[in-house]
N, C-alpha and C. Protein backbone atom coordinates (compact mmCIF):
# COMPACT_ATOMS: atom_id res chain seq x y z
N UNK A 1 0.86 -1.19 0.00
CA UNK A 1 0.00 0.00 0.00
C UNK A 1 0.90 1.25 0.00
N UNK A 2 0.68 2.14 -0.97
CA UNK A 2 1.48 3.35 -1.07
C UNK A 2 0.62 4.58 -0.80
N UNK A 3 1.28 5.65 -0.40
CA UNK A 3 0.59 6.90 -0.13
C UNK A 3 0.43 7.71 -1.41
N UNK A 4 -0.73 8.33 -1.54
CA UNK A 4 -1.04 9.15 -2.71
C UNK A 4 -1.33 10.59 -2.27
N UNK A 5 -0.97 11.52 -3.10
CA UNK A 5 -1.22 12.92 -2.79
C UNK A 5 -2.72 13.20 -2.73
N UNK A 6 -3.14 13.88 -1.68
CA UNK A 6 -4.56 14.24 -1.56
C UNK A 6 -4.96 15.26 -2.61
N UNK A 7 -3.99 15.93 -3.22
CA UNK A 7 -4.30 16.86 -4.28
C UNK A 7 -4.56 16.16 -5.59
N UNK A 8 -3.82 15.08 -5.85
CA UNK A 8 -3.98 14.31 -7.09
C UNK A 8 -5.06 13.25 -6.99
N UNK A 9 -5.20 12.66 -5.80
CA UNK A 9 -6.17 11.58 -5.58
C UNK A 9 -6.89 11.82 -4.27
N UNK A 10 -7.98 12.58 -4.28
CA UNK A 10 -8.70 12.87 -3.03
C UNK A 10 -9.06 11.58 -2.29
N UNK A 11 -9.08 11.67 -0.98
CA UNK A 11 -9.33 10.51 -0.13
C UNK A 11 -10.63 9.82 -0.55
N UNK A 12 -10.52 8.54 -0.87
CA UNK A 12 -11.66 7.71 -1.25
C UNK A 12 -11.37 6.31 -0.74
N UNK A 13 -11.69 6.07 0.52
CA UNK A 13 -11.25 4.88 1.22
C UNK A 13 -11.97 3.62 0.74
N UNK A 14 -11.20 2.57 0.52
CA UNK A 14 -11.75 1.27 0.18
C UNK A 14 -12.10 0.51 1.46
N UNK A 15 -11.23 0.61 2.45
CA UNK A 15 -11.38 -0.19 3.66
C UNK A 15 -12.04 0.56 4.82
N UNK A 16 -12.42 1.79 4.60
CA UNK A 16 -13.15 2.54 5.63
C UNK A 16 -12.30 3.37 6.55
N UNK A 17 -11.04 2.97 6.75
CA UNK A 17 -10.13 3.71 7.65
C UNK A 17 -8.75 3.75 7.01
N UNK A 18 -8.09 4.89 7.13
CA UNK A 18 -6.75 5.03 6.60
C UNK A 18 -5.98 6.10 7.36
N UNK A 19 -4.92 6.55 6.76
CA UNK A 19 -4.01 7.51 7.37
C UNK A 19 -3.75 8.65 6.39
N UNK A 20 -3.64 9.87 6.91
CA UNK A 20 -3.19 11.01 6.12
C UNK A 20 -2.04 11.67 6.85
N UNK A 21 -1.01 12.07 6.11
CA UNK A 21 0.20 12.63 6.70
C UNK A 21 0.72 13.76 5.84
N UNK A 22 1.35 14.73 6.47
CA UNK A 22 1.96 15.83 5.74
C UNK A 22 3.24 16.27 6.43
N UNK A 23 4.11 16.94 5.67
CA UNK A 23 5.28 17.60 6.24
C UNK A 23 4.85 18.98 6.73
N UNK A 24 5.26 19.34 7.94
CA UNK A 24 4.93 20.66 8.47
C UNK A 24 6.13 21.59 8.52
N UNK A 25 7.32 21.03 8.51
CA UNK A 25 8.56 21.81 8.56
C UNK A 25 9.63 21.02 7.82
N UNK A 26 9.93 21.42 6.60
CA UNK A 26 10.88 20.67 5.77
C UNK A 26 12.28 20.75 6.35
N UNK A 27 12.67 21.89 6.83
CA UNK A 27 14.04 22.08 7.35
C UNK A 27 14.30 21.16 8.54
N UNK A 28 13.35 21.13 9.47
CA UNK A 28 13.51 20.29 10.67
C UNK A 28 12.85 18.92 10.52
N UNK A 29 12.32 18.66 9.32
CA UNK A 29 11.68 17.38 8.99
C UNK A 29 10.60 17.01 10.02
N UNK A 30 9.72 17.97 10.30
CA UNK A 30 8.59 17.74 11.19
C UNK A 30 7.38 17.32 10.36
N UNK A 31 6.52 16.50 10.95
CA UNK A 31 5.37 15.94 10.24
C UNK A 31 4.13 15.98 11.14
N UNK A 32 2.98 15.83 10.51
CA UNK A 32 1.72 15.71 11.24
C UNK A 32 0.90 14.60 10.59
N UNK A 33 0.21 13.80 11.44
CA UNK A 33 -0.49 12.63 10.94
C UNK A 33 -1.84 12.50 11.63
N UNK A 34 -2.81 11.92 10.92
CA UNK A 34 -4.13 11.70 11.52
C UNK A 34 -4.84 10.54 10.84
N UNK A 35 -5.96 10.17 11.40
CA UNK A 35 -6.80 9.10 10.84
C UNK A 35 -7.76 9.69 9.81
N UNK A 36 -7.87 9.04 8.66
CA UNK A 36 -8.96 9.35 7.73
C UNK A 36 -9.94 8.18 7.80
N UNK A 37 -11.21 8.50 7.70
CA UNK A 37 -12.22 7.45 7.79
C UNK A 37 -13.47 7.85 7.03
N UNK A 38 -14.19 6.84 6.58
CA UNK A 38 -15.47 7.09 5.92
C UNK A 38 -16.55 6.98 6.99
N UNK A 39 -17.15 8.11 7.33
CA UNK A 39 -18.09 8.17 8.45
C UNK A 39 -19.35 7.37 8.15
N UNK A 40 -20.15 7.18 9.17
CA UNK A 40 -21.38 6.39 9.02
C UNK A 40 -22.35 7.01 8.04
N UNK A 41 -22.20 8.32 7.76
CA UNK A 41 -23.06 8.95 6.76
C UNK A 41 -22.39 9.05 5.39
N UNK A 42 -21.23 8.38 5.25
CA UNK A 42 -20.58 8.28 3.95
C UNK A 42 -19.57 9.36 3.63
N UNK A 43 -19.33 10.28 4.55
CA UNK A 43 -18.40 11.38 4.29
C UNK A 43 -16.97 10.95 4.63
N UNK A 44 -16.02 11.39 3.82
CA UNK A 44 -14.60 11.14 4.11
C UNK A 44 -14.14 12.19 5.12
N UNK A 45 -13.67 11.72 6.29
CA UNK A 45 -13.33 12.62 7.40
C UNK A 45 -11.86 12.47 7.80
N UNK A 46 -11.36 13.45 8.53
CA UNK A 46 -9.98 13.48 9.00
C UNK A 46 -9.99 13.82 10.48
N UNK A 47 -9.60 12.85 11.33
CA UNK A 47 -9.55 13.03 12.78
C UNK A 47 -8.10 13.07 13.20
N UNK A 48 -7.71 14.18 13.84
CA UNK A 48 -6.29 14.32 14.20
C UNK A 48 -6.14 15.20 15.44
N UNK A 49 -5.11 14.89 16.22
CA UNK A 49 -4.79 15.69 17.40
C UNK A 49 -3.86 16.81 16.96
N UNK A 50 -4.43 18.00 16.80
CA UNK A 50 -3.65 19.13 16.31
C UNK A 50 -2.67 19.64 17.35
N UNK A 51 -3.11 19.65 18.63
CA UNK A 51 -2.22 20.06 19.73
C UNK A 51 -2.99 19.86 21.03
N UNK A 52 -2.54 20.50 22.09
CA UNK A 52 -3.16 20.30 23.40
C UNK A 52 -4.62 20.75 23.40
N UNK A 53 -5.52 19.84 23.85
CA UNK A 53 -6.96 20.10 23.90
C UNK A 53 -7.50 20.54 22.54
N UNK A 54 -6.96 19.95 21.48
CA UNK A 54 -7.34 20.38 20.14
C UNK A 54 -7.47 19.17 19.21
N UNK A 55 -8.42 18.29 19.53
CA UNK A 55 -8.74 17.17 18.64
C UNK A 55 -9.72 17.68 17.59
N UNK A 56 -9.38 17.49 16.33
CA UNK A 56 -10.20 18.03 15.24
C UNK A 56 -10.76 16.91 14.37
N UNK A 57 -12.01 17.05 14.04
CA UNK A 57 -12.68 16.14 13.10
C UNK A 57 -13.15 17.00 11.93
N UNK A 58 -12.50 16.86 10.80
CA UNK A 58 -12.70 17.74 9.66
C UNK A 58 -12.94 16.93 8.39
N UNK A 59 -13.35 17.62 7.35
CA UNK A 59 -13.42 16.97 6.05
C UNK A 59 -12.02 16.51 5.65
N UNK A 60 -11.95 15.37 4.98
CA UNK A 60 -10.65 14.85 4.57
C UNK A 60 -9.91 15.90 3.72
N UNK A 61 -8.61 16.03 3.92
CA UNK A 61 -7.87 17.07 3.21
C UNK A 61 -7.87 16.86 1.70
N UNK A 62 -7.96 17.97 0.98
CA UNK A 62 -7.79 17.97 -0.47
C UNK A 62 -6.66 18.95 -0.75
N UNK A 63 -5.44 18.44 -0.64
CA UNK A 63 -4.26 19.30 -0.68
C UNK A 63 -3.06 18.49 -1.14
N UNK A 64 -2.22 19.06 -1.99
CA UNK A 64 -1.01 18.33 -2.42
C UNK A 64 0.00 18.14 -1.28
N UNK A 65 -0.21 18.83 -0.17
CA UNK A 65 0.72 18.69 0.96
C UNK A 65 0.44 17.43 1.77
N UNK A 66 -0.78 16.91 1.70
CA UNK A 66 -1.15 15.70 2.42
C UNK A 66 -1.06 14.48 1.51
N UNK A 67 -0.67 13.36 2.12
CA UNK A 67 -0.65 12.07 1.43
C UNK A 67 -1.48 11.09 2.25
N UNK A 68 -2.18 10.18 1.57
CA UNK A 68 -3.08 9.27 2.28
C UNK A 68 -2.98 7.85 1.73
N UNK A 69 -3.39 6.91 2.58
CA UNK A 69 -3.47 5.50 2.17
C UNK A 69 -4.46 4.78 3.08
N UNK A 70 -5.05 3.71 2.55
CA UNK A 70 -5.94 2.84 3.34
C UNK A 70 -5.14 2.02 4.34
N UNK A 71 -5.78 1.59 5.40
CA UNK A 71 -5.22 0.60 6.31
C UNK A 71 -5.37 -0.77 5.63
N UNK A 72 -4.27 -1.28 5.10
CA UNK A 72 -4.32 -2.50 4.29
C UNK A 72 -4.79 -3.71 5.07
N UNK A 73 -4.48 -3.77 6.37
CA UNK A 73 -4.85 -4.95 7.16
C UNK A 73 -6.37 -5.13 7.25
N UNK A 74 -7.13 -4.07 7.00
CA UNK A 74 -8.58 -4.18 7.05
C UNK A 74 -9.15 -5.02 5.90
N UNK A 75 -8.34 -5.23 4.87
CA UNK A 75 -8.81 -6.05 3.74
C UNK A 75 -8.51 -7.53 3.93
N UNK A 76 -7.82 -7.89 5.01
CA UNK A 76 -7.46 -9.28 5.25
C UNK A 76 -8.64 -10.04 5.86
N UNK A 77 -8.72 -11.35 5.64
CA UNK A 77 -9.86 -12.14 6.14
C UNK A 77 -10.09 -12.02 7.65
N UNK A 78 -9.01 -11.92 8.42
CA UNK A 78 -9.16 -11.83 9.87
C UNK A 78 -9.89 -10.56 10.31
N UNK A 79 -9.93 -9.56 9.42
CA UNK A 79 -10.53 -8.27 9.79
C UNK A 79 -11.76 -7.95 8.94
N UNK A 80 -12.36 -8.94 8.34
CA UNK A 80 -13.41 -8.68 7.35
C UNK A 80 -14.68 -8.08 7.96
N UNK A 81 -14.84 -8.14 9.28
CA UNK A 81 -16.02 -7.53 9.90
C UNK A 81 -15.63 -6.38 10.82
N UNK A 82 -14.36 -5.96 10.75
CA UNK A 82 -13.84 -4.96 11.68
C UNK A 82 -14.15 -3.53 11.24
N UNK A 83 -14.15 -3.28 9.92
CA UNK A 83 -14.21 -1.91 9.41
C UNK A 83 -15.32 -1.05 9.98
N UNK A 84 -16.56 -1.51 9.91
CA UNK A 84 -17.69 -0.70 10.39
C UNK A 84 -17.61 -0.47 11.89
N UNK A 85 -17.20 -1.50 12.63
CA UNK A 85 -17.07 -1.35 14.08
C UNK A 85 -15.97 -0.36 14.43
N UNK A 86 -14.88 -0.39 13.67
CA UNK A 86 -13.79 0.55 13.91
C UNK A 86 -14.22 1.98 13.62
N UNK A 87 -14.95 2.18 12.55
CA UNK A 87 -15.46 3.52 12.24
C UNK A 87 -16.37 4.02 13.35
N UNK A 88 -17.24 3.16 13.85
CA UNK A 88 -18.13 3.54 14.95
C UNK A 88 -17.32 3.93 16.18
N UNK A 89 -16.24 3.20 16.42
CA UNK A 89 -15.39 3.52 17.58
C UNK A 89 -14.70 4.86 17.38
N UNK A 90 -14.16 5.11 16.20
CA UNK A 90 -13.53 6.38 15.89
C UNK A 90 -14.52 7.53 16.08
N UNK A 91 -15.77 7.31 15.67
CA UNK A 91 -16.78 8.35 15.83
C UNK A 91 -17.09 8.62 17.30
N UNK A 92 -16.91 7.63 18.15
CA UNK A 92 -17.09 7.89 19.58
C UNK A 92 -15.89 8.64 20.16
N UNK A 93 -14.69 8.31 19.69
CA UNK A 93 -13.48 9.00 20.17
C UNK A 93 -13.50 10.47 19.78
N UNK A 94 -14.03 10.79 18.62
CA UNK A 94 -13.99 12.17 18.13
C UNK A 94 -14.73 13.15 19.04
N UNK A 95 -15.56 12.64 19.94
CA UNK A 95 -16.27 13.52 20.88
C UNK A 95 -15.37 14.00 22.00
N UNK A 96 -14.22 13.33 22.20
CA UNK A 96 -13.29 13.70 23.28
C UNK A 96 -12.36 14.81 22.79
N UNK A 97 -12.87 16.00 22.65
CA UNK A 97 -12.14 17.08 21.99
C UNK A 97 -10.97 17.62 22.82
N UNK A 98 -11.03 17.56 24.14
CA UNK A 98 -9.99 18.17 24.97
C UNK A 98 -8.98 17.14 25.45
N UNK A 99 -8.32 16.51 24.51
CA UNK A 99 -7.30 15.52 24.85
C UNK A 99 -6.00 16.23 25.23
N UNK A 100 -5.33 15.77 26.27
CA UNK A 100 -4.08 16.41 26.67
C UNK A 100 -2.92 16.00 25.77
N UNK A 101 -2.09 16.95 25.42
CA UNK A 101 -0.88 16.67 24.68
C UNK A 101 0.20 16.27 25.69
N UNK A 102 1.02 15.30 25.34
CA UNK A 102 2.07 14.89 26.27
C UNK A 102 3.08 13.98 25.62
N UNK A 103 4.21 13.83 26.30
CA UNK A 103 5.33 13.05 25.78
C UNK A 103 5.28 11.58 26.19
N UNK A 104 4.50 11.26 27.19
CA UNK A 104 4.45 9.90 27.73
C UNK A 104 3.02 9.40 27.66
N UNK A 105 2.77 8.44 26.76
CA UNK A 105 1.42 7.90 26.59
C UNK A 105 1.26 6.54 27.26
N UNK A 106 2.24 6.11 28.04
CA UNK A 106 2.15 4.80 28.67
C UNK A 106 0.96 4.75 29.63
N UNK A 107 0.17 3.71 29.51
CA UNK A 107 -1.00 3.57 30.37
C UNK A 107 -2.23 4.32 29.90
N UNK A 108 -2.09 5.17 28.91
CA UNK A 108 -3.22 5.93 28.37
C UNK A 108 -4.03 5.02 27.45
N UNK A 109 -5.35 5.15 27.52
CA UNK A 109 -6.21 4.37 26.64
C UNK A 109 -7.54 5.08 26.45
N UNK A 110 -8.32 4.59 25.51
CA UNK A 110 -9.71 4.99 25.35
C UNK A 110 -10.56 3.79 25.76
N UNK A 111 -11.62 4.05 26.53
CA UNK A 111 -12.44 2.94 26.99
C UNK A 111 -13.42 2.51 25.90
N UNK A 112 -14.31 1.57 26.24
CA UNK A 112 -15.23 1.03 25.25
C UNK A 112 -16.15 2.06 24.64
N UNK A 113 -16.37 3.17 25.35
CA UNK A 113 -17.21 4.24 24.82
C UNK A 113 -16.43 5.33 24.13
N UNK A 114 -15.11 5.11 23.95
CA UNK A 114 -14.28 6.10 23.28
C UNK A 114 -13.80 7.23 24.17
N UNK A 115 -13.95 7.08 25.50
CA UNK A 115 -13.54 8.14 26.42
C UNK A 115 -12.07 7.98 26.82
N UNK A 116 -11.37 9.09 26.87
CA UNK A 116 -9.95 9.11 27.26
C UNK A 116 -9.82 8.70 28.72
N UNK A 117 -8.85 7.81 29.00
CA UNK A 117 -8.65 7.32 30.36
C UNK A 117 -7.17 7.41 30.71
N UNK A 118 -6.86 8.14 31.79
CA UNK A 118 -5.52 8.18 32.34
C UNK A 118 -5.62 8.68 33.78
N UNK A 119 -4.88 8.05 34.67
CA UNK A 119 -4.89 8.45 36.08
C UNK A 119 -3.77 9.42 36.40
N UNK A 120 -2.98 9.79 35.41
CA UNK A 120 -1.82 10.66 35.62
C UNK A 120 -1.94 11.87 34.71
N UNK A 121 -2.03 13.05 35.30
CA UNK A 121 -2.22 14.27 34.52
C UNK A 121 -1.03 14.61 33.64
N UNK A 122 0.15 14.06 33.94
CA UNK A 122 1.32 14.36 33.12
C UNK A 122 1.35 13.52 31.84
N UNK A 123 0.52 12.49 31.78
CA UNK A 123 0.46 11.66 30.58
C UNK A 123 -0.28 12.41 29.48
N UNK A 124 -0.06 12.00 28.25
CA UNK A 124 -0.77 12.64 27.15
C UNK A 124 -0.37 12.03 25.83
N UNK A 125 -0.88 12.60 24.77
CA UNK A 125 -0.73 12.04 23.44
C UNK A 125 -0.10 13.04 22.48
N UNK A 126 0.54 12.52 21.46
CA UNK A 126 0.97 13.30 20.30
C UNK A 126 0.07 12.92 19.14
N UNK A 127 0.27 13.53 17.99
CA UNK A 127 -0.54 13.14 16.84
C UNK A 127 -0.32 11.67 16.50
N UNK A 128 0.91 11.18 16.71
CA UNK A 128 1.23 9.78 16.37
C UNK A 128 0.72 8.82 17.43
N UNK A 129 0.95 9.13 18.72
CA UNK A 129 0.50 8.21 19.75
C UNK A 129 -1.02 8.23 19.90
N UNK A 130 -1.66 9.31 19.45
CA UNK A 130 -3.13 9.32 19.40
C UNK A 130 -3.63 8.19 18.51
N UNK A 131 -3.07 8.06 17.31
CA UNK A 131 -3.49 7.00 16.39
C UNK A 131 -3.20 5.63 16.98
N UNK A 132 -1.99 5.46 17.50
CA UNK A 132 -1.61 4.17 18.08
C UNK A 132 -2.55 3.78 19.21
N UNK A 133 -2.92 4.75 20.05
CA UNK A 133 -3.77 4.47 21.21
C UNK A 133 -5.20 4.18 20.80
N UNK A 134 -5.73 4.92 19.83
CA UNK A 134 -7.09 4.66 19.35
C UNK A 134 -7.18 3.24 18.78
N UNK A 135 -6.25 2.89 17.92
CA UNK A 135 -6.31 1.57 17.28
C UNK A 135 -6.09 0.45 18.29
N UNK A 136 -5.16 0.63 19.21
CA UNK A 136 -4.95 -0.40 20.22
C UNK A 136 -6.16 -0.53 21.13
N UNK A 137 -6.77 0.59 21.50
CA UNK A 137 -7.96 0.55 22.34
C UNK A 137 -9.13 -0.12 21.63
N UNK A 138 -9.12 -0.06 20.30
CA UNK A 138 -10.15 -0.72 19.50
C UNK A 138 -9.83 -2.20 19.28
N UNK A 139 -8.68 -2.64 19.79
CA UNK A 139 -8.32 -4.05 19.68
C UNK A 139 -7.36 -4.38 18.56
N UNK A 140 -6.78 -3.35 17.92
CA UNK A 140 -5.85 -3.59 16.82
C UNK A 140 -4.54 -2.84 17.08
N UNK A 141 -3.63 -3.40 17.85
CA UNK A 141 -2.33 -2.75 18.02
C UNK A 141 -1.54 -2.81 16.72
N UNK A 142 -1.11 -1.66 16.22
CA UNK A 142 -0.36 -1.66 14.95
C UNK A 142 1.13 -1.47 15.18
N UNK A 143 1.53 -1.09 16.40
CA UNK A 143 2.94 -0.99 16.75
C UNK A 143 3.16 -1.67 18.10
N UNK A 144 4.32 -2.29 18.24
CA UNK A 144 4.72 -2.90 19.50
C UNK A 144 5.68 -1.94 20.18
N UNK A 145 5.14 -1.02 20.98
CA UNK A 145 5.95 0.04 21.55
C UNK A 145 6.95 -0.46 22.58
N UNK A 146 6.82 -1.69 23.03
CA UNK A 146 7.81 -2.27 23.94
C UNK A 146 9.16 -2.43 23.25
N UNK A 147 9.17 -2.40 21.91
CA UNK A 147 10.41 -2.56 21.16
C UNK A 147 11.03 -1.22 20.75
N UNK A 148 10.36 -0.11 21.05
CA UNK A 148 10.84 1.19 20.58
C UNK A 148 12.09 1.62 21.33
N UNK A 149 12.92 2.42 20.67
CA UNK A 149 14.17 2.89 21.25
C UNK A 149 14.26 4.41 21.15
N UNK A 150 14.97 4.99 22.08
CA UNK A 150 15.22 6.43 22.01
C UNK A 150 16.27 6.71 20.94
N UNK A 151 16.23 7.93 20.40
CA UNK A 151 17.20 8.35 19.39
C UNK A 151 17.74 9.73 19.73
N UNK A 152 18.94 10.06 19.24
CA UNK A 152 19.60 11.30 19.66
C UNK A 152 18.78 12.56 19.44
N UNK A 153 17.94 12.60 18.39
CA UNK A 153 17.21 13.84 18.11
C UNK A 153 15.84 13.90 18.79
N UNK A 154 15.52 12.93 19.63
CA UNK A 154 14.25 12.98 20.36
C UNK A 154 14.14 14.22 21.23
N UNK A 155 15.22 14.55 21.92
CA UNK A 155 15.19 15.70 22.83
C UNK A 155 15.09 17.02 22.08
N UNK A 156 15.67 17.08 20.89
CA UNK A 156 15.54 18.30 20.08
C UNK A 156 14.08 18.51 19.70
N UNK A 157 13.40 17.41 19.35
CA UNK A 157 11.96 17.50 19.04
C UNK A 157 11.18 17.94 20.27
N UNK A 158 11.51 17.37 21.42
CA UNK A 158 10.82 17.75 22.65
C UNK A 158 10.97 19.24 22.92
N UNK A 159 12.16 19.78 22.68
CA UNK A 159 12.40 21.20 22.91
C UNK A 159 11.52 22.06 22.01
N UNK A 160 11.34 21.64 20.76
CA UNK A 160 10.47 22.36 19.83
C UNK A 160 9.03 22.37 20.35
N UNK A 161 8.57 21.21 20.81
CA UNK A 161 7.19 21.11 21.30
C UNK A 161 7.02 21.90 22.59
N UNK A 162 8.00 21.85 23.48
CA UNK A 162 7.90 22.59 24.73
C UNK A 162 7.82 24.10 24.46
N UNK A 163 8.56 24.57 23.49
CA UNK A 163 8.49 25.99 23.14
C UNK A 163 7.09 26.37 22.66
N UNK A 164 6.50 25.50 21.85
CA UNK A 164 5.14 25.77 21.37
C UNK A 164 4.12 25.70 22.51
N UNK A 165 4.27 24.72 23.40
CA UNK A 165 3.36 24.62 24.55
C UNK A 165 3.47 25.84 25.46
N UNK A 166 4.68 26.30 25.69
CA UNK A 166 4.86 27.47 26.55
C UNK A 166 4.18 28.71 25.99
N UNK A 167 4.10 28.77 24.67
CA UNK A 167 3.45 29.91 24.02
C UNK A 167 1.93 29.75 23.99
N UNK A 168 1.47 28.54 23.67
CA UNK A 168 0.04 28.32 23.42
C UNK A 168 -0.70 27.83 24.64
N UNK A 169 -0.05 26.97 25.44
CA UNK A 169 -0.70 26.36 26.61
C UNK A 169 0.30 26.30 27.76
N UNK A 170 0.65 27.46 28.35
CA UNK A 170 1.70 27.50 29.37
C UNK A 170 1.42 26.62 30.59
N UNK A 171 0.17 26.50 30.97
CA UNK A 171 -0.16 25.64 32.12
C UNK A 171 0.18 24.19 31.80
N UNK A 172 -0.11 23.75 30.58
CA UNK A 172 0.22 22.39 30.18
C UNK A 172 1.73 22.21 30.09
N UNK A 173 2.43 23.22 29.61
CA UNK A 173 3.89 23.15 29.53
C UNK A 173 4.49 22.91 30.91
N UNK A 174 3.94 23.58 31.92
CA UNK A 174 4.43 23.39 33.29
C UNK A 174 4.14 21.98 33.79
N UNK A 175 2.98 21.44 33.39
CA UNK A 175 2.60 20.09 33.84
C UNK A 175 3.53 19.01 33.29
N UNK A 176 3.95 19.17 32.03
CA UNK A 176 4.74 18.11 31.39
C UNK A 176 6.23 18.41 31.35
N UNK A 177 6.65 19.51 31.97
CA UNK A 177 8.04 19.93 31.88
C UNK A 177 9.02 18.85 32.33
N UNK A 178 8.62 18.06 33.31
CA UNK A 178 9.53 17.03 33.85
C UNK A 178 9.05 15.61 33.55
N UNK A 179 8.09 15.47 32.64
CA UNK A 179 7.61 14.12 32.31
C UNK A 179 8.64 13.41 31.44
N UNK A 180 8.61 12.10 31.49
CA UNK A 180 9.60 11.28 30.83
C UNK A 180 9.35 11.19 29.32
N UNK A 181 10.43 11.29 28.55
CA UNK A 181 10.38 10.98 27.12
C UNK A 181 11.33 9.82 26.90
N UNK A 182 10.80 8.60 27.06
CA UNK A 182 11.64 7.42 26.90
C UNK A 182 11.97 7.16 25.44
N UNK A 183 11.04 7.48 24.58
CA UNK A 183 11.24 7.32 23.14
C UNK A 183 10.17 8.14 22.44
N UNK A 184 10.36 8.31 21.14
CA UNK A 184 9.39 9.04 20.35
C UNK A 184 8.85 8.14 19.24
N UNK A 185 7.55 8.00 19.17
CA UNK A 185 6.88 7.38 18.03
C UNK A 185 6.62 8.48 17.02
N UNK A 186 7.22 8.37 15.86
CA UNK A 186 7.17 9.45 14.88
C UNK A 186 5.98 9.29 13.93
N UNK A 187 5.50 10.40 13.37
CA UNK A 187 4.34 10.33 12.48
C UNK A 187 4.51 9.37 11.31
N UNK A 188 5.68 9.38 10.67
CA UNK A 188 5.88 8.49 9.53
C UNK A 188 5.93 7.02 9.95
N UNK A 189 6.34 6.76 11.20
CA UNK A 189 6.39 5.38 11.69
C UNK A 189 4.99 4.84 11.96
N UNK A 190 4.14 5.63 12.60
CA UNK A 190 2.77 5.16 12.83
C UNK A 190 2.02 5.09 11.51
N UNK A 191 2.34 5.96 10.57
CA UNK A 191 1.68 5.91 9.26
C UNK A 191 2.06 4.63 8.53
N UNK A 192 3.35 4.31 8.50
CA UNK A 192 3.79 3.11 7.82
C UNK A 192 3.25 1.85 8.47
N UNK A 193 3.22 1.83 9.79
CA UNK A 193 2.70 0.67 10.51
C UNK A 193 1.21 0.51 10.28
N UNK A 194 0.48 1.61 10.28
CA UNK A 194 -0.97 1.55 10.19
C UNK A 194 -1.48 1.05 8.85
N UNK A 195 -0.68 1.18 7.79
CA UNK A 195 -1.13 0.72 6.48
C UNK A 195 -0.50 -0.62 6.09
N UNK A 196 0.25 -1.22 7.03
CA UNK A 196 0.90 -2.49 6.74
C UNK A 196 -0.13 -3.62 6.65
N UNK A 197 0.25 -4.70 5.97
CA UNK A 197 -0.63 -5.86 5.89
C UNK A 197 -0.45 -6.80 7.07
N UNK A 198 0.63 -6.60 7.84
CA UNK A 198 0.87 -7.41 9.03
C UNK A 198 1.13 -6.49 10.22
N UNK A 199 0.33 -6.61 11.24
CA UNK A 199 0.49 -5.79 12.43
C UNK A 199 0.45 -6.69 13.67
N UNK A 200 1.11 -6.26 14.76
CA UNK A 200 1.84 -5.00 14.94
C UNK A 200 3.26 -5.07 14.40
N UNK A 201 3.82 -3.90 14.08
CA UNK A 201 5.20 -3.79 13.64
C UNK A 201 6.09 -3.47 14.84
N UNK A 202 7.28 -4.07 14.85
CA UNK A 202 8.28 -3.73 15.85
C UNK A 202 9.07 -2.52 15.35
N UNK A 203 9.92 -2.00 16.19
CA UNK A 203 10.66 -0.76 15.92
C UNK A 203 11.37 -0.80 14.56
N UNK A 204 12.17 -1.82 14.32
CA UNK A 204 12.94 -1.88 13.08
C UNK A 204 12.04 -1.96 11.85
N UNK A 205 10.93 -2.68 11.97
CA UNK A 205 9.99 -2.81 10.86
C UNK A 205 9.29 -1.48 10.57
N UNK A 206 8.95 -0.75 11.62
CA UNK A 206 8.30 0.54 11.44
C UNK A 206 9.23 1.56 10.80
N UNK A 207 10.49 1.52 11.18
CA UNK A 207 11.47 2.42 10.55
C UNK A 207 11.56 2.13 9.05
N UNK A 208 11.60 0.85 8.69
CA UNK A 208 11.66 0.48 7.28
C UNK A 208 10.40 0.91 6.54
N UNK A 209 9.24 0.76 7.18
CA UNK A 209 7.97 1.15 6.56
C UNK A 209 7.86 2.66 6.42
N UNK A 210 8.54 3.39 7.31
CA UNK A 210 8.46 4.85 7.30
C UNK A 210 9.32 5.49 6.22
N UNK A 211 10.38 4.81 5.80
CA UNK A 211 11.33 5.45 4.90
C UNK A 211 10.72 5.90 3.57
N UNK A 212 9.91 5.07 2.89
CA UNK A 212 9.30 5.55 1.63
C UNK A 212 8.38 6.76 1.86
N UNK A 213 7.72 6.81 3.00
CA UNK A 213 6.85 7.95 3.31
C UNK A 213 7.68 9.20 3.48
N UNK A 214 8.77 9.07 4.24
CA UNK A 214 9.67 10.22 4.44
C UNK A 214 10.23 10.71 3.09
N UNK A 215 10.54 9.77 2.21
CA UNK A 215 11.06 10.16 0.89
C UNK A 215 10.02 10.95 0.11
N UNK A 216 8.75 10.58 0.23
CA UNK A 216 7.69 11.32 -0.46
C UNK A 216 7.52 12.72 0.13
N UNK A 217 7.53 12.80 1.45
CA UNK A 217 7.24 14.06 2.11
C UNK A 217 8.37 15.08 1.94
N UNK A 218 9.60 14.58 1.87
CA UNK A 218 10.74 15.50 1.83
C UNK A 218 11.54 15.36 0.54
N UNK A 219 10.84 15.01 -0.53
CA UNK A 219 11.50 14.86 -1.83
C UNK A 219 12.06 16.20 -2.30
């Protein structure tokens, strides 16, 4: 499964759920990712965590900056009845608009009704861990985060996000200032894993799946 430009091929999902991703900063190679889905009323939608307390459910992007692909595993026999149930679950999650942004998503989940659950206020989600958590909470883990590793530029990314939080949501910046960043799940990694035919992907497999996406975004 390959990603197609939303400008050349507007989102038209075969399997009901997919991924859309874009580059947000070419110089620093920053990206943003979200779920695309065909809603129960037939509309192509884009659900993504834009930032702290900013979960957005919008019309699917029609832009050459975004690239999209179906979740290929939904076409496999083991998942032949999953698509509609997954869409219904995504539609329940989209009501949780004030999701906290954070560097540590361990223990975070959505319950059966799509409600955000965490007992620790310092926990939270990124655009990438939002997707991983939604899918895992729905019963389909697409990444094995126990295999993830930290990388030298993780802290540089954290510094960029902390600067934005301090400007936009200073109270949240203070809450997460000392929270742990054991590793970073990157947008291209969750995108590559989410459209794979075999899930969940381990760290090395996700990196390999992410490389063609990165090549498209930063060509």
